[in-house]
Amino acid sequence: AVLGTQASTSDPSALAAFNAVHERAGL
């Protein structure tokens, strides 16, 4: 939702949310 219609985002809050899931998988 933070990304929205943008091609990409480096928004810190969006990255924190994504990485919480991503890093749990060992990535």
mmCIF file of all heavy atoms, coordinates in Angstrom:
data_MODEL
# 
_entry.id   MODEL 
# 
loop_
_atom_site.group_PDB 
_atom_site.id 
_atom_site.type_symbol 
_atom_site.label_atom_id 
_atom_site.label_alt_id 
_atom_site.label_comp_id 
_atom_site.label_asym_id 
_atom_site.label_entity_id 
_atom_site.label_seq_id 
_atom_site.pdbx_PDB_ins_code 
_atom_site.Cartn_x 
_atom_site.Cartn_y 
_atom_site.Cartn_z 
_atom_site.occupancy 
_atom_site.B_iso_or_equiv 
_atom_site.pdbx_formal_charge 
_atom_site.auth_seq_id 
_atom_site.auth_comp_id 
_atom_site.auth_asym_id 
_atom_site.auth_atom_id 
_atom_site.pdbx_PDB_model_num 
ATOM 1   N N   . ALA A 1 1  ? 0.832  -1.211  0.000   1.00 0.00 ? 1  ALA A N   1 
ATOM 2   C CA  . ALA A 1 1  ? 0.000  0.000   0.000   1.00 0.00 ? 1  ALA A CA  1 
ATOM 3   C C   . ALA A 1 1  ? 0.864  1.257   0.000   1.00 0.00 ? 1  ALA A C   1 
ATOM 4   O O   . ALA A 1 1  ? 0.531  2.248   -0.652  1.00 0.00 ? 1  ALA A O   1 
ATOM 5   C CB  . ALA A 1 1  ? -0.933 -0.016  1.200   1.00 0.00 ? 1  ALA A CB  1 
ATOM 6   N N   . VAL A 1 2  ? 1.965  1.236   0.740   1.00 0.00 ? 2  VAL A N   1 
ATOM 7   C CA  . VAL A 1 2  ? 2.884  2.384   0.728   1.00 0.00 ? 2  VAL A CA  1 
ATOM 8   C C   . VAL A 1 2  ? 3.519  2.536   -0.645  1.00 0.00 ? 2  VAL A C   1 
ATOM 9   O O   . VAL A 1 2  ? 3.671  3.657   -1.156  1.00 0.00 ? 2  VAL A O   1 
ATOM 10  C CB  . VAL A 1 2  ? 3.959  2.220   1.817   1.00 0.00 ? 2  VAL A CB  1 
ATOM 11  C CG1 . VAL A 1 2  ? 5.038  3.288   1.668   1.00 0.00 ? 2  VAL A CG1 1 
ATOM 12  C CG2 . VAL A 1 2  ? 3.326  2.304   3.204   1.00 0.00 ? 2  VAL A CG2 1 
ATOM 13  N N   . LEU A 1 3  ? 3.875  1.440   -1.265  1.00 0.00 ? 3  LEU A N   1 
ATOM 14  C CA  . LEU A 1 3  ? 4.410  1.485   -2.638  1.00 0.00 ? 3  LEU A CA  1 
ATOM 15  C C   . LEU A 1 3  ? 3.385  2.110   -3.582  1.00 0.00 ? 3  LEU A C   1 
ATOM 16  O O   . LEU A 1 3  ? 3.712  2.972   -4.405  1.00 0.00 ? 3  LEU A O   1 
ATOM 17  C CB  . LEU A 1 3  ? 4.776  0.082   -3.108  1.00 0.00 ? 3  LEU A CB  1 
ATOM 18  C CG  . LEU A 1 3  ? 5.173  -0.061  -4.583  1.00 0.00 ? 3  LEU A CG  1 
ATOM 19  C CD1 . LEU A 1 3  ? 6.504  0.641   -4.861  1.00 0.00 ? 3  LEU A CD1 1 
ATOM 20  C CD2 . LEU A 1 3  ? 5.247  -1.538  -4.971  1.00 0.00 ? 3  LEU A CD2 1 
ATOM 21  N N   . GLY A 1 4  ? 2.133  1.688   -3.461  1.00 0.00 ? 4  GLY A N   1 
ATOM 22  C CA  . GLY A 1 4  ? 1.060  2.244   -4.287  1.00 0.00 ? 4  GLY A CA  1 
ATOM 23  C C   . GLY A 1 4  ? 1.338  2.128   -5.767  1.00 0.00 ? 4  GLY A C   1 
ATOM 24  O O   . GLY A 1 4  ? 1.652  1.055   -6.271  1.00 0.00 ? 4  GLY A O   1 
ATOM 25  N N   . THR A 1 5  ? 1.260  3.236   -6.468  1.00 0.00 ? 5  THR A N   1 
ATOM 26  C CA  . THR A 1 5  ? 1.458  3.245   -7.914  1.00 0.00 ? 5  THR A CA  1 
ATOM 27  C C   . THR A 1 5  ? 2.898  3.556   -8.314  1.00 0.00 ? 5  THR A C   1 
ATOM 28  O O   . THR A 1 5  ? 3.202  3.659   -9.503  1.00 0.00 ? 5  THR A O   1 
ATOM 29  C CB  . THR A 1 5  ? 0.521  4.275   -8.559  1.00 0.00 ? 5  THR A CB  1 
ATOM 30  O OG1 . THR A 1 5  ? 0.803  5.570   -8.011  1.00 0.00 ? 5  THR A OG1 1 
ATOM 31  C CG2 . THR A 1 5  ? -0.936 3.917   -8.305  1.00 0.00 ? 5  THR A CG2 1 
ATOM 32  N N   . GLN A 1 6  ? 3.781  3.697   -7.343  1.00 0.00 ? 6  GLN A N   1 
ATOM 33  C CA  . GLN A 1 6  ? 5.177  3.988   -7.653  1.00 0.00 ? 6  GLN A CA  1 
ATOM 34  C C   . GLN A 1 6  ? 5.870  2.761   -8.243  1.00 0.00 ? 6  GLN A C   1 
ATOM 35  O O   . GLN A 1 6  ? 5.493  1.620   -7.975  1.00 0.00 ? 6  GLN A O   1 
ATOM 36  C CB  . GLN A 1 6  ? 5.918  4.400   -6.388  1.00 0.00 ? 6  GLN A CB  1 
ATOM 37  C CG  . GLN A 1 6  ? 5.345  5.586   -5.637  1.00 0.00 ? 6  GLN A CG  1 
ATOM 38  C CD  . GLN A 1 6  ? 6.050  5.790   -4.314  1.00 0.00 ? 6  GLN A CD  1 
ATOM 39  O OE1 . GLN A 1 6  ? 7.082  6.462   -4.243  1.00 0.00 ? 6  GLN A OE1 1 
ATOM 40  N NE2 . GLN A 1 6  ? 5.510  5.191   -3.252  1.00 0.00 ? 6  GLN A NE2 1 
ATOM 41  N N   . ALA A 1 7  ? 6.905  2.997   -9.018  1.00 0.00 ? 7  ALA A N   1 
ATOM 42  C CA  . ALA A 1 7  ? 7.693  1.892   -9.562  1.00 0.00 ? 7  ALA A CA  1 
ATOM 43  C C   . ALA A 1 7  ? 8.489  1.190   -8.473  1.00 0.00 ? 7  ALA A C   1 
ATOM 44  O O   . ALA A 1 7  ? 8.704  -0.028  -8.518  1.00 0.00 ? 7  ALA A O   1 
ATOM 45  C CB  . ALA A 1 7  ? 8.630  2.394   -10.661 1.00 0.00 ? 7  ALA A CB  1 
ATOM 46  N N   . SER A 1 8  ? 8.933  1.947   -7.486  1.00 0.00 ? 8  SER A N   1 
ATOM 47  C CA  . SER A 1 8  ? 9.693  1.380   -6.374  1.00 0.00 ? 8  SER A CA  1 
ATOM 48  C C   . SER A 1 8  ? 9.592  2.319   -5.183  1.00 0.00 ? 8  SER A C   1 
ATOM 49  O O   . SER A 1 8  ? 9.170  3.469   -5.310  1.00 0.00 ? 8  SER A O   1 
ATOM 50  C CB  . SER A 1 8  ? 11.165 1.170   -6.755  1.00 0.00 ? 8  SER A CB  1 
ATOM 51  O OG  . SER A 1 8  ? 11.799 2.407   -6.997  1.00 0.00 ? 8  SER A OG  1 
ATOM 52  N N   . THR A 1 9  ? 9.962  1.805   -4.021  1.00 0.00 ? 9  THR A N   1 
ATOM 53  C CA  . THR A 1 9  ? 9.986  2.643   -2.820  1.00 0.00 ? 9  THR A CA  1 
ATOM 54  C C   . THR A 1 9  ? 11.110 2.196   -1.904  1.00 0.00 ? 9  THR A C   1 
ATOM 55  O O   . THR A 1 9  ? 11.441 1.008   -1.838  1.00 0.00 ? 9  THR A O   1 
ATOM 56  C CB  . THR A 1 9  ? 8.644  2.590   -2.064  1.00 0.00 ? 9  THR A CB  1 
ATOM 57  O OG1 . THR A 1 9  ? 8.700  3.494   -0.967  1.00 0.00 ? 9  THR A OG1 1 
ATOM 58  C CG2 . THR A 1 9  ? 8.358  1.191   -1.532  1.00 0.00 ? 9  THR A CG2 1 
ATOM 59  N N   . SER A 1 10 ? 11.685 3.179   -1.206  1.00 0.00 ? 10 SER A N   1 
ATOM 60  C CA  . SER A 1 10 ? 12.651 2.903   -0.136  1.00 0.00 ? 10 SER A CA  1 
ATOM 61  C C   . SER A 1 10 ? 12.134 3.462   1.175   1.00 0.00 ? 10 SER A C   1 
ATOM 62  O O   . SER A 1 10 ? 12.920 3.728   2.096   1.00 0.00 ? 10 SER A O   1 
ATOM 63  C CB  . SER A 1 10 ? 14.014 3.524   -0.484  1.00 0.00 ? 10 SER A CB  1 
ATOM 64  O OG  . SER A 1 10 ? 14.562 2.930   -1.648  1.00 0.00 ? 10 SER A OG  1 
ATOM 65  N N   . ASP A 1 11 ? 10.819 3.609   1.260   1.00 0.00 ? 11 ASP A N   1 
ATOM 66  C CA  . ASP A 1 11 ? 10.205 4.115   2.478   1.00 0.00 ? 11 ASP A CA  1 
ATOM 67  C C   . ASP A 1 11 ? 10.609 3.226   3.659   1.00 0.00 ? 11 ASP A C   1 
ATOM 68  O O   . ASP A 1 11 ? 10.423 2.003   3.615   1.00 0.00 ? 11 ASP A O   1 
ATOM 69  C CB  . ASP A 1 11 ? 8.688  4.114   2.327   1.00 0.00 ? 11 ASP A CB  1 
ATOM 70  C CG  . ASP A 1 11 ? 7.984  4.606   3.569   1.00 0.00 ? 11 ASP A CG  1 
ATOM 71  O OD1 . ASP A 1 11 ? 7.692  3.764   4.458   1.00 0.00 ? 11 ASP A OD1 1 
ATOM 72  O OD2 . ASP A 1 11 ? 7.742  5.813   3.672   1.00 0.00 ? 11 ASP A OD2 1 
ATOM 73  N N   . PRO A 1 12 ? 11.163 3.811   4.716   1.00 0.00 ? 12 PRO A N   1 
ATOM 74  C CA  . PRO A 1 12 ? 11.659 2.997   5.840   1.00 0.00 ? 12 PRO A CA  1 
ATOM 75  C C   . PRO A 1 12 ? 10.592 2.129   6.492   1.00 0.00 ? 12 PRO A C   1 
ATOM 76  O O   . PRO A 1 12 ? 10.865 0.993   6.884   1.00 0.00 ? 12 PRO A O   1 
ATOM 77  C CB  . PRO A 1 12 ? 12.212 4.038   6.818   1.00 0.00 ? 12 PRO A CB  1 
ATOM 78  C CG  . PRO A 1 12 ? 12.522 5.228   5.973   1.00 0.00 ? 12 PRO A CG  1 
ATOM 79  C CD  . PRO A 1 12 ? 11.475 5.241   4.902   1.00 0.00 ? 12 PRO A CD  1 
ATOM 80  N N   . SER A 1 13 ? 9.377  2.663   6.629   1.00 0.00 ? 13 SER A N   1 
ATOM 81  C CA  . SER A 1 13 ? 8.327  1.879   7.292   1.00 0.00 ? 13 SER A CA  1 
ATOM 82  C C   . SER A 1 13 ? 7.882  0.702   6.421   1.00 0.00 ? 13 SER A C   1 
ATOM 83  O O   . SER A 1 13 ? 7.598  -0.394  6.929   1.00 0.00 ? 13 SER A O   1 
ATOM 84  C CB  . SER A 1 13 ? 7.138  2.764   7.642   1.00 0.00 ? 13 SER A CB  1 
ATOM 85  O OG  . SER A 1 13 ? 6.529  3.305   6.477   1.00 0.00 ? 13 SER A OG  1 
ATOM 86  N N   . ALA A 1 14 ? 7.816  0.918   5.102   1.00 0.00 ? 14 ALA A N   1 
ATOM 87  C CA  . ALA A 1 14 ? 7.467  -0.173  4.195   1.00 0.00 ? 14 ALA A CA  1 
ATOM 88  C C   . ALA A 1 14 ? 8.547  -1.246  4.207   1.00 0.00 ? 14 ALA A C   1 
ATOM 89  O O   . ALA A 1 14 ? 8.255  -2.452  4.216   1.00 0.00 ? 14 ALA A O   1 
ATOM 90  C CB  . ALA A 1 14 ? 7.252  0.358   2.782   1.00 0.00 ? 14 ALA A CB  1 
ATOM 91  N N   . LEU A 1 15 ? 9.813  -0.810  4.193   1.00 0.00 ? 15 LEU A N   1 
ATOM 92  C CA  . LEU A 1 15 ? 10.923 -1.769  4.232   1.00 0.00 ? 15 LEU A CA  1 
ATOM 93  C C   . LEU A 1 15 ? 10.924 -2.560  5.535   1.00 0.00 ? 15 LEU A C   1 
ATOM 94  O O   . LEU A 1 15 ? 11.173 -3.772  5.545   1.00 0.00 ? 15 LEU A O   1 
ATOM 95  C CB  . LEU A 1 15 ? 12.255 -1.043  4.061   1.00 0.00 ? 15 LEU A CB  1 
ATOM 96  C CG  . LEU A 1 15 ? 12.543 -0.476  2.679   1.00 0.00 ? 15 LEU A CG  1 
ATOM 97  C CD1 . LEU A 1 15 ? 13.796 0.389   2.704   1.00 0.00 ? 15 LEU A CD1 1 
ATOM 98  C CD2 . LEU A 1 15 ? 12.703 -1.608  1.656   1.00 0.00 ? 15 LEU A CD2 1 
ATOM 99  N N   . ALA A 1 16 ? 10.645 -1.884  6.647   1.00 0.00 ? 16 ALA A N   1 
ATOM 100 C CA  . ALA A 1 16 ? 10.627 -2.579  7.936   1.00 0.00 ? 16 ALA A CA  1 
ATOM 101 C C   . ALA A 1 16 ? 9.547  -3.659  7.961   1.00 0.00 ? 16 ALA A C   1 
ATOM 102 O O   . ALA A 1 16 ? 9.782  -4.772  8.457   1.00 0.00 ? 16 ALA A O   1 
ATOM 103 C CB  . ALA A 1 16 ? 10.397 -1.575  9.066   1.00 0.00 ? 16 ALA A CB  1 
ATOM 104 N N   . ALA A 1 17 ? 8.375  -3.339  7.421   1.00 0.00 ? 17 ALA A N   1 
ATOM 105 C CA  . ALA A 1 17 ? 7.286  -4.315  7.386   1.00 0.00 ? 17 ALA A CA  1 
ATOM 106 C C   . ALA A 1 17 ? 7.640  -5.499  6.488   1.00 0.00 ? 17 ALA A C   1 
ATOM 107 O O   . ALA A 1 17 ? 7.465  -6.666  6.865   1.00 0.00 ? 17 ALA A O   1 
ATOM 108 C CB  . ALA A 1 17 ? 6.007  -3.635  6.904   1.00 0.00 ? 17 ALA A CB  1 
ATOM 109 N N   . PHE A 1 18 ? 8.140  -5.193  5.303   1.00 0.00 ? 18 PHE A N   1 
ATOM 110 C CA  . PHE A 1 18 ? 8.507  -6.256  4.361   1.00 0.00 ? 18 PHE A CA  1 
ATOM 111 C C   . PHE A 1 18 ? 9.626  -7.120  4.918   1.00 0.00 ? 18 PHE A C   1 
ATOM 112 O O   . PHE A 1 18 ? 9.563  -8.359  4.893   1.00 0.00 ? 18 PHE A O   1 
ATOM 113 C CB  . PHE A 1 18 ? 8.931  -5.629  3.030   1.00 0.00 ? 18 PHE A CB  1 
ATOM 114 C CG  . PHE A 1 18 ? 9.359  -6.631  1.991   1.00 0.00 ? 18 PHE A CG  1 
ATOM 115 C CD1 . PHE A 1 18 ? 8.440  -7.168  1.113   1.00 0.00 ? 18 PHE A CD1 1 
ATOM 116 C CD2 . PHE A 1 18 ? 10.681 -7.040  1.896   1.00 0.00 ? 18 PHE A CD2 1 
ATOM 117 C CE1 . PHE A 1 18 ? 8.825  -8.098  0.158   1.00 0.00 ? 18 PHE A CE1 1 
ATOM 118 C CE2 . PHE A 1 18 ? 11.082 -7.967  0.946   1.00 0.00 ? 18 PHE A CE2 1 
ATOM 119 C CZ  . PHE A 1 18 ? 10.140 -8.499  0.068   1.00 0.00 ? 18 PHE A CZ  1 
ATOM 120 N N   . ASN A 1 19 ? 10.661 -6.498  5.429   1.00 0.00 ? 19 ASN A N   1 
ATOM 121 C CA  . ASN A 1 19 ? 11.837 -7.247  5.884   1.00 0.00 ? 19 ASN A CA  1 
ATOM 122 C C   . ASN A 1 19 ? 11.554 -8.101  7.107   1.00 0.00 ? 19 ASN A C   1 
ATOM 123 O O   . ASN A 1 19 ? 12.221 -9.125  7.314   1.00 0.00 ? 19 ASN A O   1 
ATOM 124 C CB  . ASN A 1 19 ? 13.000 -6.287  6.145   1.00 0.00 ? 19 ASN A CB  1 
ATOM 125 C CG  . ASN A 1 19 ? 13.676 -5.842  4.856   1.00 0.00 ? 19 ASN A CG  1 
ATOM 126 O OD1 . ASN A 1 19 ? 13.767 -6.595  3.894   1.00 0.00 ? 19 ASN A OD1 1 
ATOM 127 N ND2 . ASN A 1 19 ? 14.140 -4.599  4.840   1.00 0.00 ? 19 ASN A ND2 1 
ATOM 128 N N   . ALA A 1 20 ? 10.580 -7.721  7.912   1.00 0.00 ? 20 ALA A N   1 
ATOM 129 C CA  . ALA A 1 20 ? 10.223 -8.563  9.048   1.00 0.00 ? 20 ALA A CA  1 
ATOM 130 C C   . ALA A 1 20 ? 9.782  -9.948  8.573   1.00 0.00 ? 20 ALA A C   1 
ATOM 131 O O   . ALA A 1 20 ? 10.144 -10.971 9.170   1.00 0.00 ? 20 ALA A O   1 
ATOM 132 C CB  . ALA A 1 20 ? 9.116  -7.898  9.861   1.00 0.00 ? 20 ALA A CB  1 
ATOM 133 N N   . VAL A 1 21 ? 9.014  -9.986  7.500   1.00 0.00 ? 21 VAL A N   1 
ATOM 134 C CA  . VAL A 1 21 ? 8.571  -11.255 6.923   1.00 0.00 ? 21 VAL A CA  1 
ATOM 135 C C   . VAL A 1 21 ? 9.717  -11.927 6.176   1.00 0.00 ? 21 VAL A C   1 
ATOM 136 O O   . VAL A 1 21 ? 9.958  -13.137 6.312   1.00 0.00 ? 21 VAL A O   1 
ATOM 137 C CB  . VAL A 1 21 ? 7.378  -11.014 5.973   1.00 0.00 ? 21 VAL A CB  1 
ATOM 138 C CG1 . VAL A 1 21 ? 6.940  -12.313 5.303   1.00 0.00 ? 21 VAL A CG1 1 
ATOM 139 C CG2 . VAL A 1 21 ? 6.215  -10.380 6.730   1.00 0.00 ? 21 VAL A CG2 1 
ATOM 140 N N   . HIS A 1 22 ? 10.433 -11.160 5.412   1.00 0.00 ? 22 HIS A N   1 
ATOM 141 C CA  . HIS A 1 22 ? 11.513 -11.658 4.554   1.00 0.00 ? 22 HIS A CA  1 
ATOM 142 C C   . HIS A 1 22 ? 12.646 -12.285 5.378   1.00 0.00 ? 22 HIS A C   1 
ATOM 143 O O   . HIS A 1 22 ? 13.138 -13.373 5.060   1.00 0.00 ? 22 HIS A O   1 
ATOM 144 C CB  . HIS A 1 22 ? 12.038 -10.475 3.736   1.00 0.00 ? 22 HIS A CB  1 
ATOM 145 C CG  . HIS A 1 22 ? 12.903 -10.835 2.571   1.00 0.00 ? 22 HIS A CG  1 
ATOM 146 N ND1 . HIS A 1 22 ? 12.443 -11.540 1.487   1.00 0.00 ? 22 HIS A ND1 1 
ATOM 147 C CD2 . HIS A 1 22 ? 14.215 -10.557 2.310   1.00 0.00 ? 22 HIS A CD2 1 
ATOM 148 C CE1 . HIS A 1 22 ? 13.409 -11.675 0.600   1.00 0.00 ? 22 HIS A CE1 1 
ATOM 149 N NE2 . HIS A 1 22 ? 14.506 -11.101 1.081   1.00 0.00 ? 22 HIS A NE2 1 
ATOM 150 N N   . GLU A 1 23 ? 13.035 -11.595 6.442   1.00 0.00 ? 23 GLU A N   1 
ATOM 151 C CA  . GLU A 1 23 ? 14.158 -12.076 7.242   1.00 0.00 ? 23 GLU A CA  1 
ATOM 152 C C   . GLU A 1 23 ? 13.786 -13.297 8.071   1.00 0.00 ? 23 GLU A C   1 
ATOM 153 O O   . GLU A 1 23 ? 14.658 -14.123 8.387   1.00 0.00 ? 23 GLU A O   1 
ATOM 154 C CB  . GLU A 1 23 ? 14.680 -10.959 8.140   1.00 0.00 ? 23 GLU A CB  1 
ATOM 155 C CG  . GLU A 1 23 ? 15.366 -9.833  7.363   1.00 0.00 ? 23 GLU A CG  1 
ATOM 156 C CD  . GLU A 1 23 ? 15.893 -8.744  8.275   1.00 0.00 ? 23 GLU A CD  1 
ATOM 157 O OE1 . GLU A 1 23 ? 16.938 -8.983  8.935   1.00 0.00 ? 23 GLU A OE1 1 
ATOM 158 O OE2 . GLU A 1 23 ? 15.269 -7.664  8.340   1.00 0.00 ? 23 GLU A OE2 1 
ATOM 159 N N   . ARG A 1 24 ? 12.534 -13.429 8.444   1.00 0.00 ? 24 ARG A N   1 
ATOM 160 C CA  . ARG A 1 24 ? 12.127 -14.634 9.162   1.00 0.00 ? 24 ARG A CA  1 
ATOM 161 C C   . ARG A 1 24 ? 12.418 -15.878 8.325   1.00 0.00 ? 24 ARG A C   1 
ATOM 162 O O   . ARG A 1 24 ? 12.687 -16.957 8.857   1.00 0.00 ? 24 ARG A O   1 
ATOM 163 C CB  . ARG A 1 24 ? 10.637 -14.585 9.527   1.00 0.00 ? 24 ARG A CB  1 
ATOM 164 C CG  . ARG A 1 24 ? 10.165 -15.841 10.254  1.00 0.00 ? 24 ARG A CG  1 
ATOM 165 C CD  . ARG A 1 24 ? 8.750  -15.754 10.752  1.00 0.00 ? 24 ARG A CD  1 
ATOM 166 N NE  . ARG A 1 24 ? 7.748  -15.630 9.701   1.00 0.00 ? 24 ARG A NE  1 
ATOM 167 C CZ  . ARG A 1 24 ? 6.432  -15.693 9.910   1.00 0.00 ? 24 ARG A CZ  1 
ATOM 168 N NH1 . ARG A 1 24 ? 5.967  -15.847 11.139  1.00 0.00 ? 24 ARG A NH1 1 
ATOM 169 N NH2 . ARG A 1 24 ? 5.586  -15.559 8.906   1.00 0.00 ? 24 ARG A NH2 1 
ATOM 170 N N   . ALA A 1 25 ? 12.366 -15.742 7.009   1.00 0.00 ? 25 ALA A N   1 
ATOM 171 C CA  . ALA A 1 25 ? 12.625 -16.855 6.104   1.00 0.00 ? 25 ALA A CA  1 
ATOM 172 C C   . ALA A 1 25 ? 14.107 -17.112 5.885   1.00 0.00 ? 25 ALA A C   1 
ATOM 173 O O   . ALA A 1 25 ? 14.482 -17.940 5.046   1.00 0.00 ? 25 ALA A O   1 
ATOM 174 C CB  . ALA A 1 25 ? 11.942 -16.596 4.766   1.00 0.00 ? 25 ALA A CB  1 
ATOM 175 N N   . GLY A 1 26 ? 14.973 -16.396 6.617   1.00 0.00 ? 26 GLY A N   1 
ATOM 176 C CA  . GLY A 1 26 ? 16.410 -16.599 6.497   1.00 0.00 ? 26 GLY A CA  1 
ATOM 177 C C   . GLY A 1 26 ? 17.073 -15.809 5.406   1.00 0.00 ? 26 GLY A C   1 
ATOM 178 O O   . GLY A 1 26 ? 18.225 -16.085 5.052   1.00 0.00 ? 26 GLY A O   1 
ATOM 179 N N   . LEU A 1 27 ? 16.364 -14.818 4.881   1.00 0.00 ? 27 LEU A N   1 
ATOM 180 C CA  . LEU A 1 27 ? 16.883 -14.030 3.772   1.00 0.00 ? 27 LEU A CA  1 
ATOM 181 C C   . LEU A 1 27 ? 17.393 -12.671 4.256   1.00 0.00 ? 27 LEU A C   1 
ATOM 182 O O   . LEU A 1 27 ? 16.955 -12.158 5.287   1.00 0.00 ? 27 LEU A O   1 
ATOM 183 C CB  . LEU A 1 27 ? 15.788 -13.827 2.722   1.00 0.00 ? 27 LEU A CB  1 
ATOM 184 C CG  . LEU A 1 27 ? 15.250 -15.126 2.105   1.00 0.00 ? 27 LEU A CG  1 
ATOM 185 C CD1 . LEU A 1 27 ? 14.004 -14.850 1.269   1.00 0.00 ? 27 LEU A CD1 1 
ATOM 186 C CD2 . LEU A 1 27 ? 16.319 -15.809 1.258   1.00 0.00 ? 27 LEU A CD2 1 
# 
